[in-house]
């Protein structure tokens, strides 16, 4: 088990948290707390979910929740772009990072539930080896 803050997914999620903090500080006052605060909250929770998944034996529940939160943030970023609270460039940067995080989380989740490959079947009593 690697240290969670050394994982590439953790680093990218933390970078996205910093970007989201910068982007949302320029939102209109009415939406800075509601939409901007929700985006920041979801990313803080995402960073914590990565740490939990890294330490857990059953990673899938944490990673599934992480993927749901990333989807929620994508919706909030899209709303922010459509309402012209953030620029198209800021939106594009944020979405490219969320895509990268989502791909890593999906890959991690798939590897966490992948069946262990069977290298050899145990022989039953009286069974001959075919060589």
N, C-alpha and C. Protein backbone atom coordinates (compact mmCIF):
# COMPACT_ATOMS: atom_id res chain seq x y z
N UNK A 1 0.85 -1.17 0.00
CA UNK A 1 0.00 0.00 0.00
C UNK A 1 0.90 1.24 0.00
N UNK A 2 0.70 2.09 -0.97
CA UNK A 2 1.47 3.32 -1.08
C UNK A 2 0.90 4.36 -0.12
N UNK A 3 1.71 5.35 0.18
CA UNK A 3 1.22 6.48 0.97
C UNK A 3 0.24 7.24 0.10
N UNK A 4 -0.94 7.52 0.64
CA UNK A 4 -2.02 8.07 -0.18
C UNK A 4 -1.65 9.40 -0.85
N UNK A 5 -0.87 10.23 -0.19
CA UNK A 5 -0.55 11.53 -0.79
C UNK A 5 0.55 11.45 -1.85
N UNK A 6 1.04 10.25 -2.11
CA UNK A 6 2.00 10.05 -3.19
C UNK A 6 1.35 9.45 -4.44
N UNK A 7 0.09 9.06 -4.33
CA UNK A 7 -0.62 8.47 -5.47
C UNK A 7 -0.93 9.54 -6.53
N UNK A 8 -0.79 9.20 -7.80
CA UNK A 8 -1.11 10.17 -8.86
C UNK A 8 -2.55 10.67 -8.79
N UNK A 9 -3.50 9.81 -8.44
CA UNK A 9 -4.90 10.24 -8.36
C UNK A 9 -5.08 11.25 -7.23
N UNK A 10 -4.38 11.06 -6.13
CA UNK A 10 -4.45 12.01 -5.02
C UNK A 10 -3.88 13.37 -5.44
N UNK A 11 -2.73 13.32 -6.10
CA UNK A 11 -2.09 14.57 -6.52
C UNK A 11 -2.97 15.35 -7.48
N UNK A 12 -3.59 14.65 -8.44
CA UNK A 12 -4.45 15.34 -9.42
C UNK A 12 -5.71 15.87 -8.76
N UNK A 13 -6.27 15.13 -7.82
CA UNK A 13 -7.46 15.59 -7.12
C UNK A 13 -7.14 16.81 -6.27
N UNK A 14 -6.00 16.81 -5.63
CA UNK A 14 -5.59 17.96 -4.83
C UNK A 14 -5.35 19.17 -5.74
N UNK A 15 -4.73 18.97 -6.90
CA UNK A 15 -4.54 20.06 -7.86
C UNK A 15 -5.88 20.63 -8.30
N UNK A 16 -6.85 19.76 -8.51
CA UNK A 16 -8.18 20.20 -8.90
C UNK A 16 -8.86 20.96 -7.76
N UNK A 17 -8.62 20.56 -6.54
CA UNK A 17 -9.14 21.31 -5.38
C UNK A 17 -8.56 22.72 -5.37
N UNK A 18 -7.26 22.84 -5.63
CA UNK A 18 -6.64 24.17 -5.68
C UNK A 18 -7.22 24.99 -6.83
N UNK A 19 -7.39 24.36 -8.01
CA UNK A 19 -7.97 25.05 -9.15
C UNK A 19 -9.39 25.49 -8.85
N UNK A 20 -10.19 24.61 -8.26
CA UNK A 20 -11.57 24.94 -7.92
C UNK A 20 -11.63 26.10 -6.93
N UNK A 21 -10.71 26.12 -5.99
CA UNK A 21 -10.68 27.22 -5.03
C UNK A 21 -10.38 28.54 -5.73
N UNK A 22 -9.45 28.52 -6.68
CA UNK A 22 -9.13 29.72 -7.45
C UNK A 22 -10.29 30.15 -8.34
N UNK A 23 -10.90 29.20 -9.01
CA UNK A 23 -11.99 29.51 -9.94
C UNK A 23 -13.19 30.08 -9.19
N UNK A 24 -13.54 29.47 -8.08
CA UNK A 24 -14.77 29.86 -7.39
C UNK A 24 -14.63 31.17 -6.62
N UNK A 25 -13.43 31.62 -6.36
CA UNK A 25 -13.30 32.87 -5.62
C UNK A 25 -13.75 34.08 -6.45
N UNK A 26 -13.82 33.93 -7.77
CA UNK A 26 -14.26 35.02 -8.63
C UNK A 26 -15.72 34.92 -9.04
N UNK A 27 -16.44 33.96 -8.48
CA UNK A 27 -17.87 33.83 -8.78
C UNK A 27 -18.63 34.98 -8.13
N UNK A 28 -19.81 35.29 -8.66
CA UNK A 28 -20.65 36.29 -7.99
C UNK A 28 -20.93 35.88 -6.55
N UNK A 29 -21.06 36.87 -5.70
CA UNK A 29 -21.21 36.63 -4.27
C UNK A 29 -22.35 35.67 -3.94
N UNK A 30 -23.45 35.79 -4.65
CA UNK A 30 -24.61 34.93 -4.38
C UNK A 30 -24.31 33.46 -4.62
N UNK A 31 -23.42 33.17 -5.56
CA UNK A 31 -23.16 31.79 -5.96
C UNK A 31 -21.82 31.27 -5.43
N UNK A 32 -21.01 32.16 -4.89
CA UNK A 32 -19.70 31.75 -4.37
C UNK A 32 -19.86 30.74 -3.24
N UNK A 33 -20.84 30.99 -2.38
CA UNK A 33 -21.05 30.09 -1.24
C UNK A 33 -21.81 28.84 -1.66
N UNK A 34 -22.87 29.01 -2.44
CA UNK A 34 -23.70 27.85 -2.78
C UNK A 34 -23.00 26.92 -3.76
N UNK A 35 -22.75 27.37 -4.97
CA UNK A 35 -22.14 26.50 -5.98
C UNK A 35 -20.65 26.31 -5.70
N UNK A 36 -19.94 27.40 -5.48
CA UNK A 36 -18.50 27.32 -5.23
C UNK A 36 -18.17 26.52 -3.98
N UNK A 37 -18.95 26.75 -2.92
CA UNK A 37 -18.73 26.01 -1.68
C UNK A 37 -18.99 24.53 -1.84
N UNK A 38 -20.01 24.19 -2.62
CA UNK A 38 -20.32 22.77 -2.85
C UNK A 38 -19.21 22.10 -3.65
N UNK A 39 -18.68 22.79 -4.65
CA UNK A 39 -17.57 22.23 -5.44
C UNK A 39 -16.37 21.96 -4.54
N UNK A 40 -16.00 22.94 -3.74
CA UNK A 40 -14.85 22.76 -2.84
C UNK A 40 -15.10 21.64 -1.84
N UNK A 41 -16.32 21.58 -1.30
CA UNK A 41 -16.66 20.54 -0.33
C UNK A 41 -16.54 19.15 -0.96
N UNK A 42 -17.05 19.01 -2.17
CA UNK A 42 -16.98 17.71 -2.84
C UNK A 42 -15.54 17.30 -3.12
N UNK A 43 -14.68 18.26 -3.44
CA UNK A 43 -13.28 17.90 -3.69
C UNK A 43 -12.53 17.56 -2.42
N UNK A 44 -12.83 18.23 -1.33
CA UNK A 44 -12.21 17.86 -0.05
C UNK A 44 -12.63 16.44 0.31
N UNK A 45 -13.91 16.13 0.12
CA UNK A 45 -14.39 14.77 0.39
C UNK A 45 -13.74 13.76 -0.56
N UNK A 46 -13.49 14.17 -1.81
CA UNK A 46 -12.86 13.28 -2.78
C UNK A 46 -11.44 12.93 -2.35
N UNK A 47 -10.71 13.92 -1.87
CA UNK A 47 -9.35 13.67 -1.39
C UNK A 47 -9.39 12.70 -0.22
N UNK A 48 -10.35 12.88 0.67
CA UNK A 48 -10.47 11.97 1.81
C UNK A 48 -10.87 10.56 1.36
N UNK A 49 -11.73 10.46 0.36
CA UNK A 49 -12.13 9.14 -0.14
C UNK A 49 -10.95 8.39 -0.75
N UNK A 50 -10.05 9.11 -1.40
CA UNK A 50 -8.86 8.47 -1.96
C UNK A 50 -8.00 7.90 -0.84
N UNK A 51 -7.84 8.68 0.22
CA UNK A 51 -7.06 8.19 1.37
C UNK A 51 -7.74 6.97 2.00
N UNK A 52 -9.06 7.01 2.12
CA UNK A 52 -9.78 5.86 2.68
C UNK A 52 -9.67 4.63 1.80
N UNK A 53 -9.82 4.83 0.49
CA UNK A 53 -9.73 3.70 -0.43
C UNK A 53 -8.35 3.07 -0.38
N UNK A 54 -7.34 3.89 -0.26
CA UNK A 54 -5.97 3.38 -0.21
C UNK A 54 -5.74 2.52 1.03
N UNK A 55 -6.38 2.88 2.14
CA UNK A 55 -6.18 2.15 3.39
C UNK A 55 -7.13 0.97 3.55
N UNK A 56 -8.22 0.95 2.79
CA UNK A 56 -9.27 -0.06 3.00
C UNK A 56 -8.95 -1.37 2.30
N UNK A 57 -9.48 -2.44 2.87
CA UNK A 57 -9.39 -3.74 2.21
C UNK A 57 -10.39 -3.80 1.05
N UNK A 58 -11.60 -3.27 1.28
CA UNK A 58 -12.63 -3.21 0.25
C UNK A 58 -12.65 -1.78 -0.30
N UNK A 59 -11.95 -1.57 -1.39
CA UNK A 59 -11.80 -0.24 -1.96
C UNK A 59 -12.99 0.20 -2.81
N UNK A 60 -13.77 -0.75 -3.29
CA UNK A 60 -14.79 -0.44 -4.30
C UNK A 60 -15.84 0.54 -3.81
N UNK A 61 -16.28 0.43 -2.57
CA UNK A 61 -17.32 1.35 -2.09
C UNK A 61 -16.81 2.78 -2.05
N UNK A 62 -15.57 2.96 -1.62
CA UNK A 62 -14.98 4.31 -1.57
C UNK A 62 -14.79 4.87 -2.98
N UNK A 63 -14.34 4.02 -3.89
CA UNK A 63 -14.09 4.48 -5.26
C UNK A 63 -15.38 4.75 -6.01
N UNK A 64 -16.42 3.98 -5.73
CA UNK A 64 -17.72 4.25 -6.34
C UNK A 64 -18.26 5.59 -5.86
N UNK A 65 -18.13 5.86 -4.59
CA UNK A 65 -18.55 7.16 -4.04
C UNK A 65 -17.72 8.30 -4.63
N UNK A 66 -16.44 8.06 -4.80
CA UNK A 66 -15.56 9.06 -5.42
C UNK A 66 -16.03 9.39 -6.83
N UNK A 67 -16.36 8.37 -7.61
CA UNK A 67 -16.82 8.59 -8.98
C UNK A 67 -18.14 9.36 -9.01
N UNK A 68 -19.02 9.09 -8.07
CA UNK A 68 -20.28 9.84 -7.98
C UNK A 68 -20.03 11.30 -7.67
N UNK A 69 -19.10 11.56 -6.77
CA UNK A 69 -18.80 12.95 -6.42
C UNK A 69 -18.15 13.69 -7.58
N UNK A 70 -17.30 13.02 -8.31
CA UNK A 70 -16.67 13.65 -9.46
C UNK A 70 -17.73 14.00 -10.50
N UNK A 71 -18.70 13.12 -10.69
CA UNK A 71 -19.79 13.41 -11.63
C UNK A 71 -20.60 14.62 -11.16
N UNK A 72 -20.86 14.70 -9.86
CA UNK A 72 -21.59 15.84 -9.31
C UNK A 72 -20.84 17.14 -9.54
N UNK A 73 -19.52 17.10 -9.36
CA UNK A 73 -18.71 18.30 -9.58
C UNK A 73 -18.71 18.70 -11.05
N UNK A 74 -18.67 17.72 -11.94
CA UNK A 74 -18.73 18.04 -13.37
C UNK A 74 -20.02 18.77 -13.71
N UNK A 75 -21.12 18.36 -13.09
CA UNK A 75 -22.40 19.02 -13.31
C UNK A 75 -22.35 20.46 -12.79
N UNK A 76 -21.77 20.65 -11.62
CA UNK A 76 -21.67 22.01 -11.06
C UNK A 76 -20.75 22.90 -11.88
N UNK A 77 -19.66 22.33 -12.40
CA UNK A 77 -18.79 23.11 -13.28
C UNK A 77 -19.51 23.49 -14.57
N UNK A 78 -20.28 22.55 -15.11
CA UNK A 78 -21.02 22.85 -16.34
C UNK A 78 -22.05 23.95 -16.09
N UNK A 79 -22.74 23.85 -14.97
CA UNK A 79 -23.70 24.90 -14.61
C UNK A 79 -23.00 26.25 -14.47
N UNK A 80 -21.84 26.24 -13.84
CA UNK A 80 -21.07 27.48 -13.67
C UNK A 80 -20.66 28.07 -15.02
N UNK A 81 -20.29 27.22 -15.96
CA UNK A 81 -19.92 27.70 -17.29
C UNK A 81 -21.15 28.23 -18.02
N UNK A 82 -22.24 27.49 -17.97
CA UNK A 82 -23.47 27.91 -18.65
C UNK A 82 -24.02 29.22 -18.09
N UNK A 83 -23.85 29.43 -16.80
CA UNK A 83 -24.31 30.68 -16.17
C UNK A 83 -23.27 31.80 -16.28
N UNK A 84 -22.14 31.47 -16.91
CA UNK A 84 -21.03 32.41 -17.15
C UNK A 84 -20.36 32.89 -15.86
N UNK A 85 -20.32 31.98 -14.88
CA UNK A 85 -19.59 32.28 -13.65
C UNK A 85 -18.11 31.97 -13.82
N UNK A 86 -17.80 31.03 -14.72
CA UNK A 86 -16.42 30.69 -15.03
C UNK A 86 -16.25 30.72 -16.55
N UNK A 87 -15.02 30.86 -16.99
CA UNK A 87 -14.76 30.93 -18.43
C UNK A 87 -14.74 29.52 -19.03
N UNK A 88 -14.82 29.49 -20.34
CA UNK A 88 -14.76 28.22 -21.06
C UNK A 88 -13.40 27.55 -20.84
N UNK A 89 -12.34 28.35 -20.79
CA UNK A 89 -11.00 27.79 -20.54
C UNK A 89 -10.89 27.17 -19.16
N UNK A 90 -11.45 27.84 -18.15
CA UNK A 90 -11.43 27.28 -16.80
C UNK A 90 -12.23 25.98 -16.75
N UNK A 91 -13.37 25.99 -17.43
CA UNK A 91 -14.20 24.79 -17.49
C UNK A 91 -13.45 23.64 -18.16
N UNK A 92 -12.81 23.93 -19.28
CA UNK A 92 -12.07 22.90 -20.02
C UNK A 92 -10.95 22.31 -19.17
N UNK A 93 -10.23 23.17 -18.46
CA UNK A 93 -9.14 22.69 -17.60
C UNK A 93 -9.69 21.79 -16.49
N UNK A 94 -10.77 22.23 -15.87
CA UNK A 94 -11.36 21.45 -14.77
C UNK A 94 -11.88 20.11 -15.27
N UNK A 95 -12.55 20.10 -16.42
CA UNK A 95 -13.11 18.86 -16.94
C UNK A 95 -12.03 17.89 -17.38
N UNK A 96 -10.94 18.41 -17.94
CA UNK A 96 -9.86 17.50 -18.33
C UNK A 96 -9.25 16.83 -17.10
N UNK A 97 -9.14 17.57 -16.00
CA UNK A 97 -8.63 16.96 -14.76
C UNK A 97 -9.64 15.97 -14.18
N UNK A 98 -10.93 16.30 -14.21
CA UNK A 98 -11.92 15.35 -13.67
C UNK A 98 -11.96 14.08 -14.51
N UNK A 99 -11.76 14.21 -15.83
CA UNK A 99 -11.70 13.01 -16.68
C UNK A 99 -10.52 12.13 -16.29
N UNK A 100 -9.38 12.74 -16.09
CA UNK A 100 -8.19 11.98 -15.71
C UNK A 100 -8.39 11.28 -14.36
N UNK A 101 -9.00 11.98 -13.43
CA UNK A 101 -9.25 11.39 -12.11
C UNK A 101 -10.25 10.25 -12.23
N UNK A 102 -11.29 10.46 -13.03
CA UNK A 102 -12.30 9.42 -13.22
C UNK A 102 -11.73 8.16 -13.84
N UNK A 103 -10.84 8.34 -14.83
CA UNK A 103 -10.21 7.17 -15.47
C UNK A 103 -9.35 6.41 -14.47
N UNK A 104 -8.60 7.15 -13.65
CA UNK A 104 -7.76 6.48 -12.65
C UNK A 104 -8.61 5.75 -11.61
N UNK A 105 -9.69 6.40 -11.18
CA UNK A 105 -10.56 5.78 -10.17
C UNK A 105 -11.24 4.53 -10.73
N UNK A 106 -11.69 4.60 -11.99
CA UNK A 106 -12.31 3.43 -12.61
C UNK A 106 -11.32 2.29 -12.76
N UNK A 107 -10.10 2.60 -13.17
CA UNK A 107 -9.08 1.57 -13.29
C UNK A 107 -8.74 0.94 -11.95
N UNK A 108 -8.65 1.77 -10.93
CA UNK A 108 -8.35 1.30 -9.58
C UNK A 108 -9.49 0.42 -9.08
N UNK A 109 -10.73 0.85 -9.34
CA UNK A 109 -11.90 0.09 -8.90
C UNK A 109 -11.94 -1.27 -9.61
N UNK A 110 -11.66 -1.29 -10.92
CA UNK A 110 -11.67 -2.55 -11.67
C UNK A 110 -10.60 -3.50 -11.16
N UNK A 111 -9.43 -2.97 -10.85
CA UNK A 111 -8.37 -3.84 -10.35
C UNK A 111 -8.66 -4.32 -8.94
N UNK A 112 -9.45 -3.56 -8.20
CA UNK A 112 -9.78 -3.97 -6.83
C UNK A 112 -10.79 -5.10 -6.81
N UNK A 113 -11.62 -5.21 -7.87
CA UNK A 113 -12.62 -6.28 -7.90
C UNK A 113 -12.27 -7.38 -8.89
N UNK A 114 -11.14 -7.26 -9.58
CA UNK A 114 -10.75 -8.26 -10.57
C UNK A 114 -10.47 -9.59 -9.87
N UNK A 115 -10.96 -10.68 -10.44
CA UNK A 115 -10.70 -11.98 -9.83
C UNK A 115 -9.21 -12.32 -9.92
N UNK A 116 -8.76 -13.02 -8.92
CA UNK A 116 -7.36 -13.45 -8.89
C UNK A 116 -7.19 -14.55 -9.93
N UNK A 117 -6.22 -14.42 -10.84
CA UNK A 117 -6.05 -15.46 -11.86
C UNK A 117 -5.60 -16.78 -11.22
N UNK A 118 -6.16 -17.85 -11.74
CA UNK A 118 -5.82 -19.18 -11.25
C UNK A 118 -4.65 -19.68 -12.07
N UNK A 119 -3.55 -19.99 -11.39
CA UNK A 119 -2.36 -20.46 -12.10
C UNK A 119 -2.41 -21.96 -12.34
N UNK A 120 -2.99 -22.70 -11.41
CA UNK A 120 -3.13 -24.14 -11.62
C UNK A 120 -4.31 -24.64 -10.79
N UNK A 121 -4.98 -25.58 -11.35
CA UNK A 121 -6.11 -26.18 -10.66
C UNK A 121 -5.60 -27.29 -9.76
N UNK A 122 -6.11 -27.39 -8.57
CA UNK A 122 -5.67 -28.49 -7.69
C UNK A 122 -6.18 -29.82 -8.24
N UNK A 123 -5.33 -30.79 -8.17
CA UNK A 123 -5.71 -32.13 -8.65
C UNK A 123 -6.54 -32.84 -7.59
N UNK A 124 -7.47 -33.61 -8.09
CA UNK A 124 -8.25 -34.44 -7.18
C UNK A 124 -7.55 -35.77 -7.02
N UNK A 125 -7.88 -36.45 -6.00
CA UNK A 125 -7.24 -37.73 -5.72
C UNK A 125 -7.54 -38.69 -6.87
N UNK A 126 -6.51 -39.32 -7.37
CA UNK A 126 -6.62 -40.28 -8.44
C UNK A 126 -6.55 -39.65 -9.83
N UNK A 127 -6.44 -38.34 -9.92
CA UNK A 127 -6.37 -37.66 -11.22
C UNK A 127 -4.93 -37.64 -11.68
N UNK A 128 -4.73 -37.94 -12.98
CA UNK A 128 -3.38 -37.92 -13.54
C UNK A 128 -3.08 -36.58 -14.16
N UNK A 129 -1.81 -36.23 -14.17
CA UNK A 129 -1.36 -35.00 -14.78
C UNK A 129 -1.20 -35.21 -16.28
N UNK A 130 -1.68 -34.25 -17.08
CA UNK A 130 -1.56 -34.33 -18.53
C UNK A 130 -0.35 -33.53 -18.97
N UNK A 131 0.73 -34.18 -19.18
CA UNK A 131 1.94 -33.51 -19.68
C UNK A 131 2.51 -34.30 -20.80
